[in-house]
Every structure is written in C-alpha cells, then in structure tokens.
PDB file of N, CA and C in Angstrom:
ATOM      1  N   MET A   1      -9.564   7.427  -0.504  1.00  0.00           N
ATOM      2  CA  MET A   1      -8.408   7.394  -1.366  1.00  0.00           C
ATOM      3  C   MET A   1      -7.156   7.523  -0.515  1.00  0.00           C
ATOM      4  N   PRO A   2      -6.213   6.636  -0.689  1.00  0.00           N
ATOM      5  CA  PRO A   2      -4.984   6.717   0.112  1.00  0.00           C
ATOM      6  C   PRO A   2      -4.040   7.805  -0.389  1.00  0.00           C
ATOM      7  N   TYR A   3      -3.281   8.338   0.537  1.00  0.00           N
ATOM      8  CA  TYR A   3      -2.212   9.287   0.238  1.00  0.00           C
ATOM      9  C   TYR A   3      -0.914   8.697   0.756  1.00  0.00           C
ATOM     10  N   HIS A   4       0.158   8.954   0.044  1.00  0.00           N
ATOM     11  CA  HIS A   4       1.456   8.375   0.350  1.00  0.00           C
ATOM     12  C   HIS A   4       2.352   9.472   0.925  1.00  0.00           C
ATOM     13  N   VAL A   5       3.007   9.164   2.029  1.00  0.00           N
ATOM     14  CA  VAL A   5       3.733  10.155   2.823  1.00  0.00           C
ATOM     15  C   VAL A   5       5.217  10.172   2.478  1.00  0.00           C
ATOM     16  N   VAL A   6       5.729  11.384   2.252  1.00  0.00           N
ATOM     17  CA  VAL A   6       7.169  11.622   2.074  1.00  0.00           C
ATOM     18  C   VAL A   6       7.560  12.664   3.112  1.00  0.00           C
ATOM     19  N   ALA A   7       8.539  12.340   3.943  1.00  0.00           N
ATOM     20  CA  ALA A   7       9.036  13.272   4.962  1.00  0.00           C
ATOM     21  C   ALA A   7      10.475  13.641   4.609  1.00  0.00           C
ATOM     22  N   LEU A   8      10.715  14.943   4.509  1.00  0.00           N
ATOM     23  CA  LEU A   8      12.052  15.417   4.144  1.00  0.00           C
ATOM     24  C   LEU A   8      12.662  16.219   5.289  1.00  0.00           C
ATOM     25  N   THR A   9      13.952  16.058   5.454  1.00  0.00           N
ATOM     26  CA  THR A   9      14.671  16.859   6.451  1.00  0.00           C
ATOM     27  C   THR A   9      15.118  18.167   5.799  1.00  0.00           C
ATOM     28  N   LEU A  10      15.485  19.134   6.628  1.00  0.00           N
ATOM     29  CA  LEU A  10      15.998  20.393   6.090  1.00  0.00           C
ATOM     30  C   LEU A  10      17.268  20.167   5.284  1.00  0.00           C
ATOM     31  N   SER A  11      18.070  19.219   5.697  1.00  0.00           N
ATOM     32  CA  SER A  11      19.284  18.887   4.958  1.00  0.00           C
ATOM     33  C   SER A  11      18.941  18.387   3.552  1.00  0.00           C
ATOM     34  N   GLN A  12      17.968  17.510   3.440  1.00  0.00           N
ATOM     35  CA  GLN A  12      17.548  17.008   2.130  1.00  0.00           C
ATOM     36  C   GLN A  12      17.010  18.145   1.263  1.00  0.00           C
ATOM     37  N   ILE A  13      16.269  19.045   1.878  1.00  0.00           N
ATOM     38  CA  ILE A  13      15.716  20.177   1.136  1.00  0.00           C
ATOM     39  C   ILE A  13      16.840  21.062   0.617  1.00  0.00           C
ATOM     40  N   ARG A  14      17.837  21.341   1.460  1.00  0.00           N
ATOM     41  CA  ARG A  14      18.984  22.143   1.024  1.00  0.00           C
ATOM     42  C   ARG A  14      19.742  21.471  -0.121  1.00  0.00           C
ATOM     43  N   GLN A  15      19.700  20.160  -0.154  1.00  0.00           N
ATOM     44  CA  GLN A  15      20.411  19.414  -1.198  1.00  0.00           C
ATOM     45  C   GLN A  15      19.574  19.250  -2.467  1.00  0.00           C
ATOM     46  N   GLY A  16      18.389  19.866  -2.505  1.00  0.00           N
ATOM     47  CA  GLY A  16      17.595  19.866  -3.732  1.00  0.00           C
ATOM     48  C   GLY A  16      16.432  18.905  -3.790  1.00  0.00           C
ATOM     49  N   ALA A  17      16.012  18.363  -2.665  1.00  0.00           N
ATOM     50  CA  ALA A  17      14.940  17.371  -2.667  1.00  0.00           C
ATOM     51  C   ALA A  17      13.598  17.925  -3.154  1.00  0.00           C
ATOM     52  N   LEU A  18      13.441  19.242  -3.149  1.00  0.00           N
ATOM     53  CA  LEU A  18      12.173  19.819  -3.595  1.00  0.00           C
ATOM     54  C   LEU A  18      12.062  19.891  -5.116  1.00  0.00           C
ATOM     55  N   ALA A  19      13.063  19.414  -5.815  1.00  0.00           N
ATOM     56  CA  ALA A  19      13.012  19.392  -7.281  1.00  0.00           C
ATOM     57  C   ALA A  19      11.826  18.576  -7.783  1.00  0.00           C
ATOM     58  N   PHE A  20      11.318  17.657  -6.965  1.00  0.00           N
ATOM     59  CA  PHE A  20      10.166  16.861  -7.380  1.00  0.00           C
ATOM     60  C   PHE A  20       8.984  17.758  -7.734  1.00  0.00           C
ATOM     61  N   GLN A  21       8.863  18.913  -7.070  1.00  0.00           N
ATOM     62  CA  GLN A  21       7.741  19.812  -7.335  1.00  0.00           C
ATOM     63  C   GLN A  21       7.768  20.311  -8.782  1.00  0.00           C
ATOM     64  N   ARG A  22       8.922  20.724  -9.250  1.00  0.00           N
ATOM     65  CA  ARG A  22       9.046  21.207 -10.634  1.00  0.00           C
ATOM     66  C   ARG A  22       8.798  20.076 -11.626  1.00  0.00           C
ATOM     67  N   GLN A  23       9.362  18.927 -11.337  1.00  0.00           N
ATOM     68  CA  GLN A  23       9.239  17.809 -12.278  1.00  0.00           C
ATOM     69  C   GLN A  23       7.795  17.323 -12.382  1.00  0.00           C
ATOM     70  N   LEU A  24       7.107  17.223 -11.255  1.00  0.00           N
ATOM     71  CA  LEU A  24       5.713  16.796 -11.304  1.00  0.00           C
ATOM     72  C   LEU A  24       4.825  17.875 -11.916  1.00  0.00           C
ATOM     73  N   SER A  25       5.111  19.124 -11.637  1.00  0.00           N
ATOM     74  CA  SER A  25       4.300  20.220 -12.173  1.00  0.00           C
ATOM     75  C   SER A  25       4.331  20.258 -13.690  1.00  0.00           C
ATOM     76  N   ARG A  26       5.431  19.841 -14.275  1.00  0.00           N
ATOM     77  CA  ARG A  26       5.535  19.811 -15.740  1.00  0.00           C
ATOM     78  C   ARG A  26       4.547  18.853 -16.371  1.00  0.00           C
ATOM     79  N   THR A  27       4.092  17.849 -15.641  1.00  0.00           N
ATOM     80  CA  THR A  27       3.167  16.862 -16.201  1.00  0.00           C
ATOM     81  C   THR A  27       1.706  17.278 -16.054  1.00  0.00           C
ATOM     82  N   LEU A  28       1.427  18.360 -15.342  1.00  0.00           N
ATOM     83  CA  LEU A  28       0.042  18.783 -15.109  1.00  0.00           C
ATOM     84  C   LEU A  28      -0.733  19.117 -16.377  1.00  0.00           C
ATOM     85  N   PRO A  29      -0.156  19.772 -17.370  1.00  0.00           N
ATOM     86  CA  PRO A  29      -0.943  20.069 -18.563  1.00  0.00           C
ATOM     87  C   PRO A  29      -1.492  18.835 -19.273  1.00  0.00           C
ATOM     88  N   ASP A  30      -0.959  17.677 -18.973  1.00  0.00           N
ATOM     89  CA  ASP A  30      -1.442  16.445 -19.590  1.00  0.00           C
ATOM     90  C   ASP A  30      -2.824  16.043 -19.089  1.00  0.00           C
ATOM     91  N   GLY A  31      -3.385  16.799 -18.162  1.00  0.00           N
ATOM     92  CA  GLY A  31      -4.719  16.502 -17.661  1.00  0.00           C
ATOM     93  C   GLY A  31      -4.750  15.498 -16.530  1.00  0.00           C
ATOM     94  N   THR A  32      -3.614  15.167 -15.984  1.00  0.00           N
ATOM     95  CA  THR A  32      -3.595  14.203 -14.891  1.00  0.00           C
ATOM     96  C   THR A  32      -4.154  14.832 -13.620  1.00  0.00           C
ATOM     97  N   GLU A  33      -4.549  14.023 -12.710  1.00  0.00           N
ATOM     98  CA  GLU A  33      -5.140  14.476 -11.452  1.00  0.00           C
ATOM     99  C   GLU A  33      -4.122  14.417 -10.318  1.00  0.00           C
ATOM    100  N   LEU A  34      -2.927  14.876 -10.583  1.00  0.00           N
ATOM    101  CA  LEU A  34      -1.885  14.872  -9.561  1.00  0.00           C
ATOM    102  C   LEU A  34      -2.243  15.818  -8.430  1.00  0.00           C
ATOM    103  N   LYS A  35      -2.021  15.358  -7.208  1.00  0.00           N
ATOM    104  CA  LYS A  35      -2.180  16.203  -6.024  1.00  0.00           C
ATOM    105  C   LYS A  35      -1.081  15.860  -5.039  1.00  0.00           C
ATOM    106  N   VAL A  36      -0.375  16.880  -4.606  1.00  0.00           N
ATOM    107  CA  VAL A  36       0.588  16.751  -3.531  1.00  0.00           C
ATOM    108  C   VAL A  36       0.280  17.871  -2.554  1.00  0.00           C
ATOM    109  N   TYR A  37       0.074  17.503  -1.298  1.00  0.00           N
ATOM    110  CA  TYR A  37      -0.260  18.456  -0.242  1.00  0.00           C
ATOM    111  C   TYR A  37       0.845  18.510   0.801  1.00  0.00           C
ATOM    112  N   SER A  38       0.852  19.610   1.535  1.00  0.00           N
ATOM    113  CA  SER A  38       1.618  19.704   2.772  1.00  0.00           C
ATOM    114  C   SER A  38       0.731  20.430   3.765  1.00  0.00           C
ATOM    115  N   ALA A  39       1.064  20.332   5.024  1.00  0.00           N
ATOM    116  CA  ALA A  39       0.314  21.067   6.038  1.00  0.00           C
ATOM    117  C   ALA A  39       0.510  22.557   5.803  1.00  0.00           C
ATOM    118  N   SER A  40      -0.481  23.327   6.124  1.00  0.00           N
ATOM    119  CA  SER A  40      -0.379  24.776   5.976  1.00  0.00           C
ATOM    120  C   SER A  40       0.831  25.285   6.749  1.00  0.00           C
ATOM    121  N   PRO A  41       1.599  26.186   6.162  1.00  0.00           N
ATOM    122  CA  PRO A  41       2.762  26.727   6.887  1.00  0.00           C
ATOM    123  C   PRO A  41       2.352  27.524   8.120  1.00  0.00           C
ATOM    124  N   PHE A  42       1.089  27.885   8.211  1.00  0.00           N
ATOM    125  CA  PHE A  42       0.605  28.664   9.345  1.00  0.00           C
ATOM    126  C   PHE A  42       0.069  27.794  10.474  1.00  0.00           C
ATOM    127  N   ASP A  43      -0.049  26.491  10.243  1.00  0.00           N
ATOM    128  CA  ASP A  43      -0.555  25.571  11.262  1.00  0.00           C
ATOM    129  C   ASP A  43       0.635  24.865  11.917  1.00  0.00           C
ATOM    130  N   LEU A  44       1.277  25.568  12.817  1.00  0.00           N
ATOM    131  CA  LEU A  44       2.496  25.050  13.442  1.00  0.00           C
ATOM    132  C   LEU A  44       2.252  23.777  14.250  1.00  0.00           C
ATOM    133  N   GLU A  45       1.102  23.685  14.879  1.00  0.00           N
ATOM    134  CA  GLU A  45       0.783  22.492  15.676  1.00  0.00           C
ATOM    135  C   GLU A  45       0.674  21.259  14.776  1.00  0.00           C
ATOM    136  N   ALA A  46      -0.018  21.390  13.663  1.00  0.00           N
ATOM    137  CA  ALA A  46      -0.155  20.254  12.736  1.00  0.00           C
ATOM    138  C   ALA A  46       1.206  19.857  12.187  1.00  0.00           C
ATOM    139  N   ARG A  47       2.031  20.823  11.862  1.00  0.00           N
ATOM    140  CA  ARG A  47       3.363  20.527  11.329  1.00  0.00           C
ATOM    141  C   ARG A  47       4.212  19.788  12.375  1.00  0.00           C
ATOM    142  N   ARG A  48       4.100  20.191  13.632  1.00  0.00           N
ATOM    143  CA  ARG A  48       4.833  19.509  14.703  1.00  0.00           C
ATOM    144  C   ARG A  48       4.350  18.071  14.851  1.00  0.00           C
ATOM    145  N   GLN A  49       3.036  17.881  14.828  1.00  0.00           N
ATOM    146  CA  GLN A  49       2.481  16.536  14.963  1.00  0.00           C
ATOM    147  C   GLN A  49       2.927  15.630  13.811  1.00  0.00           C
ATOM    148  N   LEU A  50       2.955  16.180  12.601  1.00  0.00           N
ATOM    149  CA  LEU A  50       3.400  15.396  11.453  1.00  0.00           C
ATOM    150  C   LEU A  50       4.875  15.035  11.567  1.00  0.00           C
ATOM    151  N   LYS A  51       5.667  15.980  12.051  1.00  0.00           N
ATOM    152  CA  LYS A  51       7.092  15.702  12.247  1.00  0.00           C
ATOM    153  C   LYS A  51       7.280  14.589  13.279  1.00  0.00           C
ATOM    154  N   ASP A  52       6.521  14.648  14.364  1.00  0.00           N
ATOM    155  CA  ASP A  52       6.609  13.609  15.396  1.00  0.00           C
ATOM    156  C   ASP A  52       6.158  12.257  14.860  1.00  0.00           C
ATOM    157  N   ARG A  53       5.150  12.253  14.016  1.00  0.00           N
ATOM    158  CA  ARG A  53       4.589  10.996  13.522  1.00  0.00           C
ATOM    159  C   ARG A  53       5.431  10.365  12.410  1.00  0.00           C
ATOM    160  N   PHE A  54       5.913  11.206  11.477  1.00  0.00           N
ATOM    161  CA  PHE A  54       6.582  10.661  10.296  1.00  0.00           C
ATOM    162  C   PHE A  54       8.071  10.975  10.208  1.00  0.00           C
ATOM    163  N   GLY A  55       8.572  11.829  11.088  1.00  0.00           N
ATOM    164  CA  GLY A  55       9.969  12.252  10.986  1.00  0.00           C
ATOM    165  C   GLY A  55      10.092  13.326   9.925  1.00  0.00           C
ATOM    166  N   GLY A  56      11.287  13.812   9.737  1.00  0.00           N
ATOM    167  CA  GLY A  56      11.483  14.859   8.736  1.00  0.00           C
ATOM    168  C   GLY A  56      10.974  16.196   9.229  1.00  0.00           C
ATOM    169  N   ASP A  57      11.363  17.240   8.542  1.00  0.00           N
ATOM    170  CA  ASP A  57      10.956  18.595   8.915  1.00  0.00           C
ATOM    171  C   ASP A  57       9.755  19.074   8.121  1.00  0.00           C
ATOM    172  N   VAL A  58       9.600  18.558   6.916  1.00  0.00           N
ATOM    173  CA  VAL A  58       8.449  18.893   6.072  1.00  0.00           C
ATOM    174  C   VAL A  58       7.880  17.583   5.553  1.00  0.00           C
ATOM    175  N   VAL A  59       6.547  17.444   5.658  1.00  0.00           N
ATOM    176  CA  VAL A  59       5.883  16.205   5.264  1.00  0.00           C
ATOM    177  C   VAL A  59       4.959  16.507   4.090  1.00  0.00           C
ATOM    178  N   TYR A  60       5.026  15.651   3.066  1.00  0.00           N
ATOM    179  CA  TYR A  60       4.203  15.798   1.878  1.00  0.00           C
ATOM    180  C   TYR A  60       3.310  14.578   1.720  1.00  0.00           C
ATOM    181  N   PHE A  61       2.146  14.801   1.119  1.00  0.00           N
ATOM    182  CA  PHE A  61       1.162  13.744   0.904  1.00  0.00           C
ATOM    183  C   PHE A  61       0.857  13.660  -0.585  1.00  0.00           C
ATOM    184  N   PHE A  62       1.166  12.527  -1.203  1.00  0.00           N
ATOM    185  CA  PHE A  62       0.991  12.298  -2.630  1.00  0.00           C
ATOM    186  C   PHE A  62      -0.235  11.419  -2.855  1.00  0.00           C
ATOM    187  N   ASN A  63      -1.119  11.831  -3.781  1.00  0.00           N
ATOM    188  CA  ASN A  63      -2.197  10.913  -4.134  1.00  0.00           C
ATOM    189  C   ASN A  63      -1.614   9.823  -5.034  1.00  0.00           C
ATOM    190  N   ASP A  64      -2.436   8.838  -5.394  1.00  0.00           N
ATOM    191  CA  ASP A  64      -1.930   7.709  -6.190  1.00  0.00           C
ATOM    192  C   ASP A  64      -1.346   8.168  -7.519  1.00  0.00           C
ATOM    193  N   ALA A  65      -2.009   9.114  -8.178  1.00  0.00           N
ATOM    194  CA  ALA A  65      -1.519   9.591  -9.476  1.00  0.00           C
ATOM    195  C   ALA A  65      -0.145  10.238  -9.324  1.00  0.00           C
ATOM    196  N   ALA A  66       0.045  11.024  -8.275  1.00  0.00           N
ATOM    197  CA  ALA A  66       1.336  11.680  -8.044  1.00  0.00           C
ATOM    198  C   ALA A  66       2.415  10.654  -7.714  1.00  0.00           C
ATOM    199  N   ARG A  67       2.057   9.643  -6.952  1.00  0.00           N
ATOM    200  CA  ARG A  67       3.048   8.601  -6.631  1.00  0.00           C
ATOM    201  C   ARG A  67       3.454   7.846  -7.891  1.00  0.00           C
ATOM    202  N   GLN A  68       2.477   7.479  -8.707  1.00  0.00           N
ATOM    203  CA  GLN A  68       2.776   6.747  -9.937  1.00  0.00           C
ATOM    204  C   GLN A  68       3.651   7.580 -10.878  1.00  0.00           C
ATOM    205  N   GLU A  69       3.337   8.868 -10.987  1.00  0.00           N
ATOM    206  CA  GLU A  69       4.132   9.738 -11.855  1.00  0.00           C
ATOM    207  C   GLU A  69       5.539   9.903 -11.294  1.00  0.00           C
ATOM    208  N   SER A  70       5.675   9.969  -9.988  1.00  0.00           N
ATOM    209  CA  SER A  70       6.993  10.065  -9.353  1.00  0.00           C
ATOM    210  C   SER A  70       7.834   8.838  -9.671  1.00  0.00           C
ATOM    211  N   THR A  71       7.196   7.692  -9.646  1.00  0.00           N
ATOM    212  CA  THR A  71       7.888   6.445  -9.979  1.00  0.00           C
ATOM    213  C   THR A  71       8.283   6.438 -11.455  1.00  0.00           C
ATOM    214  N   ARG A  72       7.354   6.858 -12.314  1.00  0.00           N
ATOM    215  CA  ARG A  72       7.630   6.897 -13.758  1.00  0.00           C
ATOM    216  C   ARG A  72       8.794   7.837 -14.074  1.00  0.00           C
ATOM    217  N   LEU A  73       8.853   8.965 -13.364  1.00  0.00           N
ATOM    218  CA  LEU A  73       9.920   9.941 -13.576  1.00  0.00           C
ATOM    219  C   LEU A  73      11.214   9.578 -12.846  1.00  0.00           C
ATOM    220  N   ASN A  74      11.153   8.485 -12.085  1.00  0.00           N
ATOM    221  CA  ASN A  74      12.328   8.006 -11.343  1.00  0.00           C
ATOM    222  C   ASN A  74      12.854   9.076 -10.373  1.00  0.00           C
ATOM    223  N   LEU A  75      11.950   9.650  -9.581  1.00  0.00           N
ATOM    224  CA  LEU A  75      12.312  10.727  -8.662  1.00  0.00           C
ATOM    225  C   LEU A  75      12.972  10.243  -7.377  1.00  0.00           C
ATOM    226  N   ASN A  76      12.982   8.952  -7.140  1.00  0.00           N
ATOM    227  CA  ASN A  76      13.655   8.365  -5.975  1.00  0.00           C
ATOM    228  C   ASN A  76      13.182   8.964  -4.656  1.00  0.00           C
ATOM    229  N   LEU A  77      11.880   9.124  -4.498  1.00  0.00           N
ATOM    230  CA  LEU A  77      11.318   9.589  -3.236  1.00  0.00           C
ATOM    231  C   LEU A  77      11.050   8.391  -2.336  1.00  0.00           C
ATOM    232  N   GLU A  78      11.279   8.570  -1.054  1.00  0.00           N
ATOM    233  CA  GLU A  78      11.036   7.492  -0.098  1.00  0.00           C
ATOM    234  C   GLU A  78       9.657   7.690   0.535  1.00  0.00           C
ATOM    235  N   PHE A  79       8.721   6.818   0.170  1.00  0.00           N
ATOM    236  CA  PHE A  79       7.376   6.879   0.726  1.00  0.00           C
ATOM    237  C   PHE A  79       7.379   6.103   2.034  1.00  0.00           C
ATOM    238  N   LYS A  80       7.094   6.815   3.128  1.00  0.00           N
ATOM    239  CA  LYS A  80       7.230   6.242   4.468  1.00  0.00           C
ATOM    240  C   LYS A  80       5.972   5.566   4.981  1.00  0.00           C
ATOM    241  N   ALA A  81       4.820   6.000   4.499  1.00  0.00           N
ATOM    242  CA  ALA A  81       3.563   5.481   5.026  1.00  0.00           C
ATOM    243  C   ALA A  81       2.454   5.755   4.031  1.00  0.00           C
ATOM    244  N   GLU A  82       1.299   5.206   4.343  1.00  0.00           N
ATOM    245  CA  GLU A  82       0.093   5.457   3.560  1.00  0.00           C
ATOM    246  C   GLU A  82      -1.005   5.828   4.543  1.00  0.00           C
ATOM    247  N   ILE A  83      -1.725   6.906   4.240  1.00  0.00           N
ATOM    248  CA  ILE A  83      -2.827   7.326   5.108  1.00  0.00           C
ATOM    249  C   ILE A  83      -4.060   7.581   4.252  1.00  0.00           C
ATOM    250  N   GLU A  84      -5.195   7.607   4.888  1.00  0.00           N
ATOM    251  CA  GLU A  84      -6.444   7.893   4.186  1.00  0.00           C
ATOM    252  C   GLU A  84      -6.667   9.400   4.108  1.00  0.00           C
ATOM    253  N   GLU A  85      -7.483   9.818   3.168  1.00  0.00           N
ATOM    254  CA  GLU A  85      -7.748  11.239   2.945  1.00  0.00           C
ATOM    255  C   GLU A  85      -8.254  11.932   4.211  1.00  0.00           C
ATOM    256  N   GLU A  86      -9.023  11.218   5.009  1.00  0.00           N
ATOM    257  CA  GLU A  86      -9.572  11.785   6.247  1.00  0.00           C
ATOM    258  C   GLU A  86      -8.480  12.134   7.252  1.00  0.00           C
ATOM    259  N   GLN A  87      -7.298  11.548   7.101  1.00  0.00           N
ATOM    260  CA  GLN A  87      -6.191  11.793   8.021  1.00  0.00           C
ATOM    261  C   GLN A  87      -5.285  12.946   7.584  1.00  0.00           C
ATOM    262  N   LEU A  88      -5.537  13.509   6.403  1.00  0.00           N
ATOM    263  CA  LEU A  88      -4.750  14.664   5.955  1.00  0.00           C
ATOM    264  C   LEU A  88      -5.007  15.843   6.888  1.00  0.00           C
ATOM    265  N   PRO A  89      -4.041  16.738   7.009  1.00  0.00           N
ATOM    266  CA  PRO A  89      -4.280  17.924   7.839  1.00  0.00           C
ATOM    267  C   PRO A  89      -5.477  18.712   7.294  1.00  0.00           C
ATOM    268  N   ARG A  90      -6.295  19.214   8.200  1.00  0.00           N
ATOM    269  CA  ARG A  90      -7.452  20.003   7.765  1.00  0.00           C
ATOM    270  C   ARG A  90      -6.994  21.243   7.007  1.00  0.00           C
ATOM    271  N   ARG A  91      -5.999  21.909   7.552  1.00  0.00           N
ATOM    272  CA  ARG A  91      -5.433  23.085   6.886  1.00  0.00           C
ATOM    273  C   ARG A  91      -4.220  22.618   6.116  1.00  0.00           C
ATOM    274  N   ARG A  92      -4.367  22.592   4.792  1.00  0.00           N
ATOM    275  CA  ARG A  92      -3.271  22.093   3.954  1.00  0.00           C
ATOM    276  C   ARG A  92      -3.117  22.994   2.736  1.00  0.00           C
ATOM    277  N   THR A  93      -1.970  22.835   2.121  1.00  0.00           N
ATOM    278  CA  THR A  93      -1.597  23.616   0.950  1.00  0.00           C
ATOM    279  C   THR A  93      -1.350  22.674  -0.217  1.00  0.00           C
ATOM    280  N   VAL A  94      -1.852  23.028  -1.387  1.00  0.00           N
ATOM    281  CA  VAL A  94      -1.564  22.265  -2.588  1.00  0.00           C
ATOM    282  C   VAL A  94      -0.169  22.654  -3.056  1.00  0.00           C
ATOM    283  N   VAL A  95       0.721  21.689  -3.092  1.00  0.00           N
ATOM    284  CA  VAL A  95       2.113  21.925  -3.504  1.00  0.00           C
ATOM    285  C   VAL A  95       2.239  21.656  -5.010  1.00  0.00           C
ATOM    286  N   VAL A  96       1.613  20.578  -5.454  1.00  0.00           N
ATOM    287  CA  VAL A  96       1.570  20.249  -6.881  1.00  0.00           C
ATOM    288  C   VAL A  96       0.128  19.884  -7.195  1.00  0.00           C
ATOM    289  N   GLY A  97      -0.403  20.456  -8.235  1.00  0.00           N
ATOM    290  CA  GLY A  97      -1.769  20.159  -8.636  1.00  0.00           C
ATOM    291  C   GLY A  97      -2.559  21.436  -8.799  1.00  0.00           C
ATOM    292  N   LYS A  98      -3.735  21.286  -9.325  1.00  0.00           N
ATOM    293  CA  LYS A  98      -4.611  22.428  -9.523  1.00  0.00           C
ATOM    294  C   LYS A  98      -5.327  22.743  -8.216  1.00  0.00           C
ATOM    295  N   PRO A  99      -5.378  24.013  -7.836  1.00  0.00           N
ATOM    296  CA  PRO A  99      -6.072  24.383  -6.594  1.00  0.00           C
ATOM    297  C   PRO A  99      -7.537  23.949  -6.642  1.00  0.00           C
ATOM    298  N   GLU A 100      -8.033  23.651  -5.484  1.00  0.00           N
ATOM    299  CA  GLU A 100      -9.429  23.164  -5.407  1.00  0.00           C
ATOM    300  C   GLU A 100     -10.411  24.303  -5.385  1.00  0.00           C
TER     301      GLU A 100
END
C-alpha cells in the first residue's frame, strides 16, 4: 500500500500547518481507515534521514484514505512523494488514526 509524503518546515508549523491533524481526526468516527504517521520523536537518526530525503523539518506519511480525505476537505497539503509501506520508518507514531 502506498503512502503519500508531506514535509513541513518549522515555519509552516508555526503558521498553523498542523491543523490538518484536527480536521482529519474529526472524520475518524465515520469508520474510515485513515492513517497518518510520522517518525518517532525519539528516533533522531530516522528523522534526520527523512529530512535529508524529503526536505522539511517534520515528515508525515498519509495512507490513500487520508490523502483522499485531505483532498475532499481541501486541506491544501503538498504531497512530495509516494513510498511503499515497507519504506516507512520502523519506529513511527500514529498522528491521525486509531492506534494499532
């Protein structure tokens, strides 16, 4: 299953770019399978590698359902790349979605 990459800078975060988390979380009770991950905040090496690969200071990974819902909600997120599930960081945090 592909995941879609969004990389945000600290400046974008300060300007409110993390609002997508609240907006997507509101749709969870509908039973959708939304998943948005980020690298574990404790895995500094993985976070550095993601920054080098995709740019931005914080990198998020949206599954197809989360990307489609983001588009439907008109969240104006810039998806920079697509990666396979096997390429996600081993240590990751669920940002939006039900914990596994």
